[in-house]
């Protein structure tokens, strides 16, 4: 995804609406990966301000699929308010 999706202008714009965190699960992200039961890479999660996972997907996404994933996450987050 680093070579494709995250270089796409639309993907960058969509992600700009979120606070994004990328962690190396072999290093600093090991505890986080264990906490959220990450078993496949990449794993994308959208969380609320308390750290509760709103939506999660395992595996890479193309830019158009990332846009749909984020749109769905926004809808789910709005329902929880």
N, C-alpha and C. Protein backbone atom coordinates (compact mmCIF):
# COMPACT_ATOMS: atom_id res chain seq x y z
N UNK A 1 0.82 -1.19 0.00
CA UNK A 1 0.00 0.00 0.00
C UNK A 1 0.87 1.25 0.00
N UNK A 2 2.06 1.15 0.56
CA UNK A 2 2.97 2.32 0.55
C UNK A 2 3.30 2.75 -0.87
N UNK A 3 3.46 1.78 -1.76
CA UNK A 3 3.86 2.10 -3.14
C UNK A 3 2.70 2.52 -4.02
N UNK A 4 1.48 2.20 -3.62
CA UNK A 4 0.34 2.50 -4.48
C UNK A 4 -0.70 3.38 -3.78
N UNK A 5 -1.45 2.79 -2.90
CA UNK A 5 -2.60 3.47 -2.29
C UNK A 5 -2.23 4.76 -1.59
N UNK A 6 -1.19 4.73 -0.76
CA UNK A 6 -0.84 5.90 0.02
C UNK A 6 -0.17 7.01 -0.80
N UNK A 7 0.07 6.76 -2.07
CA UNK A 7 0.59 7.79 -2.97
C UNK A 7 -0.51 8.39 -3.84
N UNK A 8 -1.69 7.81 -3.78
CA UNK A 8 -2.82 8.26 -4.58
C UNK A 8 -3.39 9.55 -3.99
N UNK A 9 -3.62 10.56 -4.82
CA UNK A 9 -4.10 11.86 -4.35
C UNK A 9 -5.44 11.76 -3.62
N UNK A 10 -6.35 10.97 -4.15
CA UNK A 10 -7.66 10.83 -3.51
C UNK A 10 -7.53 10.12 -2.16
N UNK A 11 -6.67 9.12 -2.09
CA UNK A 11 -6.45 8.41 -0.83
C UNK A 11 -5.86 9.35 0.21
N UNK A 12 -4.91 10.15 -0.20
CA UNK A 12 -4.29 11.12 0.71
C UNK A 12 -5.34 12.09 1.23
N UNK A 13 -6.21 12.54 0.35
CA UNK A 13 -7.27 13.48 0.74
C UNK A 13 -8.24 12.82 1.72
N UNK A 14 -8.63 11.59 1.44
CA UNK A 14 -9.54 10.87 2.34
C UNK A 14 -8.91 10.63 3.70
N UNK A 15 -7.65 10.26 3.71
CA UNK A 15 -6.97 9.99 4.97
C UNK A 15 -6.74 11.27 5.77
N UNK A 16 -6.71 12.40 5.09
CA UNK A 16 -6.50 13.68 5.76
C UNK A 16 -7.61 14.03 6.75
N UNK A 17 -8.72 13.34 6.66
CA UNK A 17 -9.84 13.58 7.57
C UNK A 17 -9.71 12.78 8.87
N UNK A 18 -8.63 11.99 8.97
CA UNK A 18 -8.41 11.12 10.11
C UNK A 18 -7.04 11.38 10.71
N UNK A 19 -6.87 11.00 11.96
CA UNK A 19 -5.54 10.98 12.56
C UNK A 19 -4.98 9.61 12.22
N UNK A 20 -3.90 9.58 11.46
CA UNK A 20 -3.36 8.29 11.02
C UNK A 20 -2.11 7.93 11.81
N UNK A 21 -1.98 6.65 12.09
CA UNK A 21 -0.83 6.12 12.81
C UNK A 21 -0.40 4.85 12.08
N UNK A 22 0.86 4.79 11.77
CA UNK A 22 1.42 3.60 11.13
C UNK A 22 2.47 3.04 12.08
N UNK A 23 2.36 1.76 12.40
CA UNK A 23 3.30 1.17 13.33
C UNK A 23 3.93 -0.09 12.75
N UNK A 24 5.19 -0.27 13.06
CA UNK A 24 5.92 -1.47 12.69
C UNK A 24 5.66 -2.50 13.79
N UNK A 25 4.95 -3.57 13.47
CA UNK A 25 4.57 -4.54 14.49
C UNK A 25 5.74 -5.38 14.98
N UNK A 26 6.87 -5.27 14.33
CA UNK A 26 8.08 -5.95 14.81
C UNK A 26 8.82 -5.10 15.83
N UNK A 27 8.49 -3.83 15.91
CA UNK A 27 9.21 -2.92 16.80
C UNK A 27 8.25 -2.23 17.74
N UNK A 28 8.09 -0.91 17.56
CA UNK A 28 7.31 -0.11 18.51
C UNK A 28 5.83 -0.49 18.55
N UNK A 29 5.33 -1.11 17.53
CA UNK A 29 3.91 -1.44 17.47
C UNK A 29 3.54 -2.82 17.97
N UNK A 30 4.49 -3.54 18.51
CA UNK A 30 4.24 -4.91 18.95
C UNK A 30 3.13 -4.98 20.01
N UNK A 31 3.18 -4.11 21.01
CA UNK A 31 2.17 -4.13 22.08
C UNK A 31 0.79 -3.75 21.53
N UNK A 32 0.77 -2.78 20.64
CA UNK A 32 -0.50 -2.37 20.04
C UNK A 32 -1.08 -3.50 19.21
N UNK A 33 -0.24 -4.17 18.44
CA UNK A 33 -0.70 -5.30 17.62
C UNK A 33 -1.30 -6.40 18.49
N UNK A 34 -0.67 -6.66 19.61
CA UNK A 34 -1.19 -7.69 20.52
C UNK A 34 -2.51 -7.24 21.13
N UNK A 35 -2.58 -5.98 21.53
CA UNK A 35 -3.80 -5.45 22.16
C UNK A 35 -5.00 -5.58 21.23
N UNK A 36 -4.79 -5.31 19.92
CA UNK A 36 -5.89 -5.32 18.96
C UNK A 36 -5.94 -6.60 18.12
N UNK A 37 -5.23 -7.64 18.56
CA UNK A 37 -5.26 -8.95 17.90
C UNK A 37 -4.95 -8.88 16.41
N UNK A 38 -3.92 -8.15 16.05
CA UNK A 38 -3.50 -8.06 14.66
C UNK A 38 -2.78 -9.36 14.30
N UNK A 39 -3.32 -10.07 13.31
CA UNK A 39 -2.73 -11.34 12.90
C UNK A 39 -2.31 -11.34 11.44
N UNK A 40 -2.64 -10.28 10.72
CA UNK A 40 -2.28 -10.18 9.30
C UNK A 40 -1.87 -8.75 9.01
N UNK A 41 -0.98 -8.61 8.06
CA UNK A 41 -0.51 -7.27 7.66
C UNK A 41 -0.78 -7.05 6.19
N UNK A 42 -1.19 -5.87 5.81
CA UNK A 42 -1.54 -4.77 6.69
C UNK A 42 -2.91 -4.99 7.31
N UNK A 43 -3.12 -4.38 8.46
CA UNK A 43 -4.42 -4.31 9.11
C UNK A 43 -4.74 -2.84 9.30
N UNK A 44 -5.87 -2.41 8.81
CA UNK A 44 -6.31 -1.02 8.97
C UNK A 44 -7.47 -1.00 9.95
N UNK A 45 -7.40 -0.07 10.90
CA UNK A 45 -8.46 0.08 11.88
C UNK A 45 -8.82 1.55 12.00
N UNK A 46 -10.11 1.80 12.14
CA UNK A 46 -10.58 3.14 12.49
C UNK A 46 -11.13 3.00 13.90
N UNK A 47 -10.64 3.90 14.78
CA UNK A 47 -11.04 3.85 16.18
C UNK A 47 -11.68 5.16 16.59
N UNK A 48 -12.48 5.09 17.64
CA UNK A 48 -13.03 6.31 18.20
C UNK A 48 -12.01 6.91 19.17
N UNK A 49 -12.37 7.99 19.82
CA UNK A 49 -11.44 8.69 20.69
C UNK A 49 -11.07 7.91 21.94
N UNK A 50 -11.81 6.85 22.24
CA UNK A 50 -11.50 6.02 23.40
C UNK A 50 -10.64 4.81 23.04
N UNK A 51 -10.37 4.63 21.76
CA UNK A 51 -9.59 3.48 21.31
C UNK A 51 -10.42 2.28 20.91
N UNK A 52 -11.75 2.44 20.92
CA UNK A 52 -12.62 1.35 20.49
C UNK A 52 -12.62 1.27 18.97
N UNK A 53 -12.44 0.08 18.44
CA UNK A 53 -12.40 -0.13 16.99
C UNK A 53 -13.80 0.02 16.42
N UNK A 54 -13.93 0.92 15.47
CA UNK A 54 -15.20 1.14 14.78
C UNK A 54 -15.30 0.23 13.56
N UNK A 55 -14.18 0.12 12.84
CA UNK A 55 -14.15 -0.70 11.63
C UNK A 55 -12.73 -1.18 11.41
N UNK A 56 -12.60 -2.38 10.88
CA UNK A 56 -11.28 -3.00 10.71
C UNK A 56 -11.27 -3.81 9.42
N UNK A 57 -10.13 -3.84 8.77
CA UNK A 57 -9.95 -4.68 7.59
C UNK A 57 -8.52 -5.20 7.58
N UNK A 58 -8.37 -6.45 7.21
CA UNK A 58 -7.05 -7.06 7.07
C UNK A 58 -6.75 -7.23 5.59
N UNK A 59 -5.56 -6.83 5.21
CA UNK A 59 -5.16 -6.94 3.82
C UNK A 59 -5.09 -5.58 3.16
N UNK A 60 -4.36 -5.51 2.08
CA UNK A 60 -4.18 -4.25 1.38
C UNK A 60 -5.44 -3.79 0.67
N UNK A 61 -5.54 -2.50 0.50
CA UNK A 61 -6.68 -1.92 -0.21
C UNK A 61 -6.19 -1.03 -1.35
N UNK A 62 -6.89 -1.08 -2.46
CA UNK A 62 -6.65 -0.14 -3.54
C UNK A 62 -7.25 1.20 -3.13
N UNK A 63 -6.84 2.30 -3.76
CA UNK A 63 -7.37 3.61 -3.37
C UNK A 63 -8.90 3.68 -3.33
N UNK A 64 -9.58 3.11 -4.32
CA UNK A 64 -11.04 3.17 -4.34
C UNK A 64 -11.64 2.37 -3.19
N UNK A 65 -11.00 1.25 -2.83
CA UNK A 65 -11.49 0.44 -1.71
C UNK A 65 -11.23 1.13 -0.37
N UNK A 66 -10.11 1.84 -0.28
CA UNK A 66 -9.82 2.61 0.93
C UNK A 66 -10.87 3.70 1.11
N UNK A 67 -11.25 4.36 0.04
CA UNK A 67 -12.27 5.41 0.11
C UNK A 67 -13.58 4.83 0.63
N UNK A 68 -13.98 3.66 0.15
CA UNK A 68 -15.21 3.01 0.61
C UNK A 68 -15.10 2.60 2.07
N UNK A 69 -13.94 2.08 2.46
CA UNK A 69 -13.71 1.69 3.85
C UNK A 69 -13.85 2.89 4.78
N UNK A 70 -13.23 4.01 4.41
CA UNK A 70 -13.28 5.21 5.25
C UNK A 70 -14.69 5.81 5.28
N UNK A 71 -15.39 5.75 4.16
CA UNK A 71 -16.78 6.24 4.11
C UNK A 71 -17.66 5.43 5.06
N UNK A 72 -17.47 4.12 5.03
CA UNK A 72 -18.23 3.24 5.92
C UNK A 72 -17.88 3.52 7.38
N UNK A 73 -16.61 3.75 7.66
CA UNK A 73 -16.18 4.05 9.02
C UNK A 73 -16.82 5.35 9.52
N UNK A 74 -16.89 6.36 8.66
CA UNK A 74 -17.52 7.63 9.05
C UNK A 74 -18.99 7.43 9.38
N UNK A 75 -19.68 6.61 8.58
CA UNK A 75 -21.10 6.33 8.84
C UNK A 75 -21.28 5.63 10.18
N UNK A 76 -20.43 4.64 10.44
CA UNK A 76 -20.55 3.90 11.70
C UNK A 76 -20.23 4.80 12.89
N UNK A 77 -19.25 5.67 12.74
CA UNK A 77 -18.89 6.59 13.82
C UNK A 77 -20.03 7.58 14.08
N UNK A 78 -20.68 8.04 13.04
CA UNK A 78 -21.78 9.00 13.20
C UNK A 78 -22.96 8.34 13.93
N UNK A 79 -23.19 7.07 13.69
CA UNK A 79 -24.29 6.36 14.35
C UNK A 79 -24.04 6.21 15.85
N UNK A 80 -22.78 6.15 16.25
CA UNK A 80 -22.44 5.95 17.66
C UNK A 80 -22.55 7.23 18.47
N UNK A 81 -22.66 8.37 17.80
CA UNK A 81 -22.74 9.66 18.52
C UNK A 81 -24.12 9.90 19.07
